[in-house]
């Protein structure tokens, strides 16, 4: 979804959500993706890694057990505080814009997952600038945001996650001569959430992108109530993630 929260301040949106950001919807994918990377030798104990747009360490923490060291780069102090709070010895953090990382960030592997600002040619170039041996990029392959999408439609806006599909960066990378591996991971789960709790969750999501007024609150209430059964909302959640792996143009001896 390419909406710009509060105008241009994307960083504010991530900072507002840094304390509650959760990877529960794709926790199984994380386990399988990290195991796959280790099994195929893309990460190993003799390789260092920089996690660009690391968030609260969603992938960095499980990967740290398979790498010599992990550098987490993020522009959100709140996200990096969560990473540091785990006290893992081979993980260090750096507060920086992901598109303009300072010298010294280069590692054997450049890794990035679910980081919208990197979903562009400049972002892929930034990954190559700090990846000595390989780059690994993961993005959402979910075409529709479900209830959230219905709320945006009720507000007169059409948003989807289709622009994040890894087929687009893959096409770009191939157009500039990179050979990419592409893999897809899927996690399906069912959940039941009290309608009031889901309303609060959706208000936080919508509120990250625009000020909340009566119109926004009413849209959330109507859409959620339309899915409610005896005060509960039952959902089937399908999360898809695409992974690209490629060797960057070498800029190092």
Protein backbone atom coordinates (compact mmCIF):
# COMPACT_ATOMS: atom_id res chain seq x y z
CA UNK A 1 0.00 0.00 0.00
CA UNK A 2 1.59 3.19 -1.17
CA UNK A 3 -0.41 5.67 0.93
CA UNK A 4 1.75 8.37 2.50
CA UNK A 5 0.99 8.73 6.22
CA UNK A 6 0.44 12.31 7.35
CA UNK A 7 1.73 13.70 4.08
CA UNK A 8 5.36 12.66 3.61
CA UNK A 9 6.29 11.57 7.13
CA UNK A 10 6.52 7.81 6.61
CA UNK A 11 9.02 7.57 9.46
CA UNK A 12 6.41 8.86 11.89
CA UNK A 13 4.06 6.04 10.96
CA UNK A 14 6.69 3.39 11.73
CA UNK A 15 7.69 5.09 14.96
CA UNK A 16 4.05 5.30 16.08
CA UNK A 17 3.74 1.56 15.55
CA UNK A 18 7.18 0.54 16.82
CA UNK A 19 5.91 -0.59 20.22
CA UNK A 20 3.16 -2.85 18.93
CA UNK A 21 4.47 -4.08 15.57
CA UNK A 22 3.94 -7.84 15.45
CA UNK A 23 4.97 -10.59 13.04
CA UNK A 24 2.33 -13.04 14.26
CA UNK A 25 0.60 -13.15 10.86
CA UNK A 26 3.74 -14.63 9.27
CA UNK A 27 5.61 -16.22 12.19
CA UNK A 28 5.74 -19.61 10.48
CA UNK A 29 7.12 -18.04 7.30
CA UNK A 30 9.96 -16.52 9.30
CA UNK A 31 10.96 -19.94 10.64
CA UNK A 32 10.78 -21.61 7.23
CA UNK A 33 12.49 -18.78 5.35
CA UNK A 34 15.43 -18.59 7.77
CA UNK A 35 15.79 -22.39 7.72
CA UNK A 36 15.74 -22.32 3.91
CA UNK A 37 18.44 -19.64 3.73
CA UNK A 38 20.65 -21.56 6.14
CA UNK A 39 20.09 -24.90 4.42
CA UNK A 40 21.01 -23.43 1.02
CA UNK A 41 24.11 -21.71 2.40
CA UNK A 42 22.86 -18.16 1.77
CA UNK A 43 23.51 -17.39 5.44
CA UNK A 44 26.11 -19.17 7.56
CA UNK A 45 28.31 -18.79 10.62
CA UNK A 46 31.16 -17.40 8.52
CA UNK A 47 29.02 -14.69 6.89
CA UNK A 48 28.09 -11.28 8.29
CA UNK A 49 24.72 -9.71 7.48
CA UNK A 50 23.15 -6.26 7.41
CA UNK A 51 19.37 -6.20 7.92
CA UNK A 52 18.05 -3.06 6.20
CA UNK A 53 14.82 -1.76 7.68
CA UNK A 54 15.11 -4.39 10.40
CA UNK A 55 12.14 -3.22 12.45
CA UNK A 56 12.12 -4.89 15.89
CA UNK A 57 14.43 -7.67 14.72
CA UNK A 58 11.74 -9.81 13.09
CA UNK A 59 14.24 -11.69 10.93
CA UNK A 60 17.49 -10.45 12.48
CA UNK A 61 16.96 -12.29 15.75
CA UNK A 62 16.41 -15.78 14.27
CA UNK A 63 19.14 -15.18 11.67
CA UNK A 64 21.66 -14.11 14.30
CA UNK A 65 22.08 -17.74 15.33
CA UNK A 66 23.22 -18.59 11.79
CA UNK A 67 25.48 -15.58 11.06
CA UNK A 68 28.78 -14.33 12.42
CA UNK A 69 27.22 -10.93 13.08
CA UNK A 70 24.09 -8.94 12.22
CA UNK A 71 23.84 -5.17 11.82
CA UNK A 72 20.27 -3.87 12.14
CA UNK A 73 19.66 -0.60 10.28
CA UNK A 74 16.41 1.28 10.78
CA UNK A 75 15.20 4.87 10.90
CA UNK A 76 12.92 4.22 13.91
CA UNK A 77 14.52 4.59 17.36
CA UNK A 78 11.63 2.64 18.86
CA UNK A 79 12.21 -0.33 16.58
CA UNK A 80 15.93 -0.42 17.36
CA UNK A 81 15.28 -0.13 21.09
CA UNK A 82 13.30 -3.34 20.85
CA UNK A 83 16.20 -5.03 19.03
CA UNK A 84 18.74 -3.86 21.61
CA UNK A 85 16.46 -4.98 24.41
CA UNK A 86 17.06 -8.62 23.52
CA UNK A 87 20.73 -8.26 24.40
CA UNK A 88 21.99 -10.62 21.69
CA UNK A 89 25.77 -10.39 21.55
CA UNK A 90 26.34 -10.56 17.80
CA UNK A 91 23.61 -8.04 16.91
CA UNK A 92 24.42 -4.33 16.66
CA UNK A 93 22.10 -1.49 15.65
CA UNK A 94 22.43 1.66 13.57
CA UNK A 95 19.90 4.49 13.34
CA UNK A 96 19.92 5.52 9.69
CA UNK A 97 17.76 6.15 6.66
CA UNK A 98 17.80 2.92 4.68
CA UNK A 99 18.30 4.64 1.34
CA UNK A 100 21.36 6.60 2.46
CA UNK A 101 23.33 4.35 4.78
CA UNK A 102 26.72 5.70 5.89
CA UNK A 103 30.05 4.11 4.91
CA UNK A 104 30.94 1.07 6.95
CA UNK A 105 27.60 -0.74 6.65
CA UNK A 106 28.84 -3.25 4.06
CA UNK A 107 28.50 -6.90 5.08
CA UNK A 108 28.70 -10.23 3.26
CA UNK A 109 24.92 -10.39 2.93
CA UNK A 110 22.47 -7.51 2.50
CA UNK A 111 19.01 -8.51 3.71
CA UNK A 112 15.72 -6.60 3.60
CA UNK A 113 12.17 -7.69 4.44
CA UNK A 114 8.83 -5.88 4.30
CA UNK A 115 10.43 -2.44 4.10
CA UNK A 116 8.29 -0.28 1.76
CA UNK A 117 10.89 2.47 1.14
CA UNK A 118 13.21 -0.14 -0.38
CA UNK A 119 10.62 -1.20 -2.96
CA UNK A 120 12.19 0.82 -5.76
CA UNK A 121 15.31 0.80 -7.98
CA UNK A 122 17.08 3.13 -5.55
CA UNK A 123 16.36 0.73 -2.70
CA UNK A 124 17.72 -2.26 -4.59
CA UNK A 125 20.83 -0.25 -5.48
CA UNK A 126 21.26 0.63 -1.80
CA UNK A 127 21.15 -3.08 -0.97
CA UNK A 128 23.82 -3.81 -3.56
CA UNK A 129 25.99 -1.03 -2.17
CA UNK A 130 26.26 -2.83 1.19
CA UNK A 131 26.09 -6.48 0.09
CA UNK A 132 29.50 -7.96 -0.72
CA UNK A 133 28.36 -11.44 -1.79
CA UNK A 134 24.59 -11.53 -2.11
CA UNK A 135 21.35 -9.69 -1.58
CA UNK A 136 18.14 -11.17 -0.16
CA UNK A 137 14.89 -9.24 -0.52
CA UNK A 138 11.51 -10.30 0.89
CA UNK A 139 8.23 -8.57 0.26
CA UNK A 140 4.52 -9.13 0.71
CA UNK A 141 2.77 -10.94 -2.11
CA UNK A 142 -0.68 -10.27 -0.69
CA UNK A 143 -2.92 -8.75 -3.38
CA UNK A 144 -5.67 -7.50 -1.06
CA UNK A 145 -5.63 -6.16 2.50
CA UNK A 146 -9.08 -7.62 3.30
CA UNK A 147 -11.08 -5.76 5.95
CA UNK A 148 -8.58 -2.92 5.90
CA UNK A 149 -9.15 -2.58 2.16
CA UNK A 150 -12.92 -2.47 2.69
CA UNK A 151 -12.48 0.38 5.15
CA UNK A 152 -10.36 2.35 2.68
CA UNK A 153 -13.02 1.76 0.00
CA UNK A 154 -15.69 3.08 2.37
CA UNK A 155 -13.52 6.19 2.75
CA UNK A 156 -13.38 6.63 -1.02
CA UNK A 157 -9.81 5.37 -1.49
CA UNK A 158 -8.57 2.21 -3.18
CA UNK A 159 -5.44 0.65 -1.74
CA UNK A 160 -3.89 -2.76 -2.22
CA UNK A 161 -0.54 -4.42 -1.61
CA UNK A 162 -0.19 -5.56 -5.23
CA UNK A 163 2.62 -3.08 -5.91
CA UNK A 164 4.84 -4.89 -3.42
CA UNK A 165 4.73 -8.18 -5.36
CA UNK A 166 8.30 -9.42 -5.87
CA UNK A 167 7.67 -9.90 -9.60
CA UNK A 168 8.26 -6.17 -10.06
CA UNK A 169 11.73 -5.91 -8.47
CA UNK A 170 12.58 -9.23 -10.13
CA UNK A 171 11.77 -7.81 -13.56
CA UNK A 172 13.83 -4.72 -12.81
CA UNK A 173 16.82 -6.73 -11.56
CA UNK A 174 16.75 -8.98 -14.63
CA UNK A 175 16.54 -5.90 -16.86
CA UNK A 176 19.88 -4.71 -15.46
CA UNK A 177 21.53 -8.10 -15.84
CA UNK A 178 21.06 -9.77 -12.47
CA UNK A 179 20.19 -13.46 -12.19
CA UNK A 180 17.59 -13.92 -9.45
CA UNK A 181 16.27 -16.85 -7.51
CA UNK A 182 12.62 -16.39 -6.61
CA UNK A 183 10.82 -18.29 -3.87
CA UNK A 184 7.35 -17.97 -2.35
CA UNK A 185 6.29 -18.73 1.23
CA UNK A 186 2.67 -18.94 2.37
CA UNK A 187 1.10 -19.11 5.82
CA UNK A 188 -2.60 -19.75 6.39
CA UNK A 189 -4.24 -19.37 9.76
CA UNK A 190 -7.64 -18.73 11.30
CA UNK A 191 -8.35 -16.25 14.03
CA UNK A 192 -11.23 -14.99 16.12
CA UNK A 193 -11.08 -11.44 17.40
CA UNK A 194 -13.62 -9.50 19.47
CA UNK A 195 -15.22 -6.87 17.23
CA UNK A 196 -14.22 -4.07 19.59
CA UNK A 197 -10.60 -5.18 19.59
CA UNK A 198 -10.55 -5.36 15.79
CA UNK A 199 -12.09 -1.88 15.57
CA UNK A 200 -9.30 -0.50 17.76
CA UNK A 201 -6.69 -2.27 15.61
CA UNK A 202 -8.14 -0.87 12.38
CA UNK A 203 -8.37 2.62 13.86
CA UNK A 204 -4.65 2.45 14.64
CA UNK A 205 -3.91 1.36 11.06
CA UNK A 206 -6.07 4.03 9.43
CA UNK A 207 -4.90 6.61 11.97
CA UNK A 208 -1.30 6.05 10.91
CA UNK A 209 -2.18 7.37 7.45
CA UNK A 210 -4.71 10.14 8.14
CA UNK A 211 -6.24 12.03 11.09
CA UNK A 212 -9.16 10.17 12.66
CA UNK A 213 -12.52 11.91 12.59
CA UNK A 214 -16.16 10.88 12.79
CA UNK A 215 -16.12 9.69 9.17
CA UNK A 216 -13.14 7.41 9.72
CA UNK A 217 -14.54 5.99 12.97
CA UNK A 218 -17.92 5.32 11.38
CA UNK A 219 -16.35 3.57 8.39
CA UNK A 220 -14.34 1.29 10.69
CA UNK A 221 -17.39 0.56 12.83
CA UNK A 222 -19.64 -0.29 9.87
CA UNK A 223 -17.14 -2.53 8.09
CA UNK A 224 -16.16 -4.45 11.23
CA UNK A 225 -19.79 -4.89 12.32
CA UNK A 226 -20.55 -6.29 8.86
CA UNK A 227 -18.12 -9.14 9.60
CA UNK A 228 -19.17 -9.63 13.22
CA UNK A 229 -21.02 -12.67 14.53
CA UNK A 230 -22.23 -12.35 18.12
CA UNK A 231 -19.54 -9.78 18.83
CA UNK A 232 -16.71 -11.80 17.27
CA UNK A 233 -14.98 -11.57 13.88
CA UNK A 234 -13.76 -14.87 12.44
CA UNK A 235 -11.13 -14.59 9.76
CA UNK A 236 -9.09 -16.81 7.52
CA UNK A 237 -5.71 -15.17 7.16
CA UNK A 238 -3.51 -15.96 4.17
CA UNK A 239 -0.10 -14.31 4.14
CA UNK A 240 2.22 -14.69 1.15
CA UNK A 241 5.80 -13.51 0.97
CA UNK A 242 8.12 -13.53 -2.03
CA UNK A 243 11.89 -13.85 -1.71
CA UNK A 244 14.51 -12.74 -4.23
CA UNK A 245 18.17 -13.80 -3.97
CA UNK A 246 20.85 -12.45 -6.28
CA UNK A 247 24.53 -11.63 -6.49
CA UNK A 248 25.19 -7.88 -6.67
CA UNK A 249 27.69 -6.22 -8.96
CA UNK A 250 30.91 -6.45 -6.98
CA UNK A 251 32.23 -3.14 -5.73
CA UNK A 252 34.76 -4.65 -3.37
CA UNK A 253 38.14 -6.36 -3.83
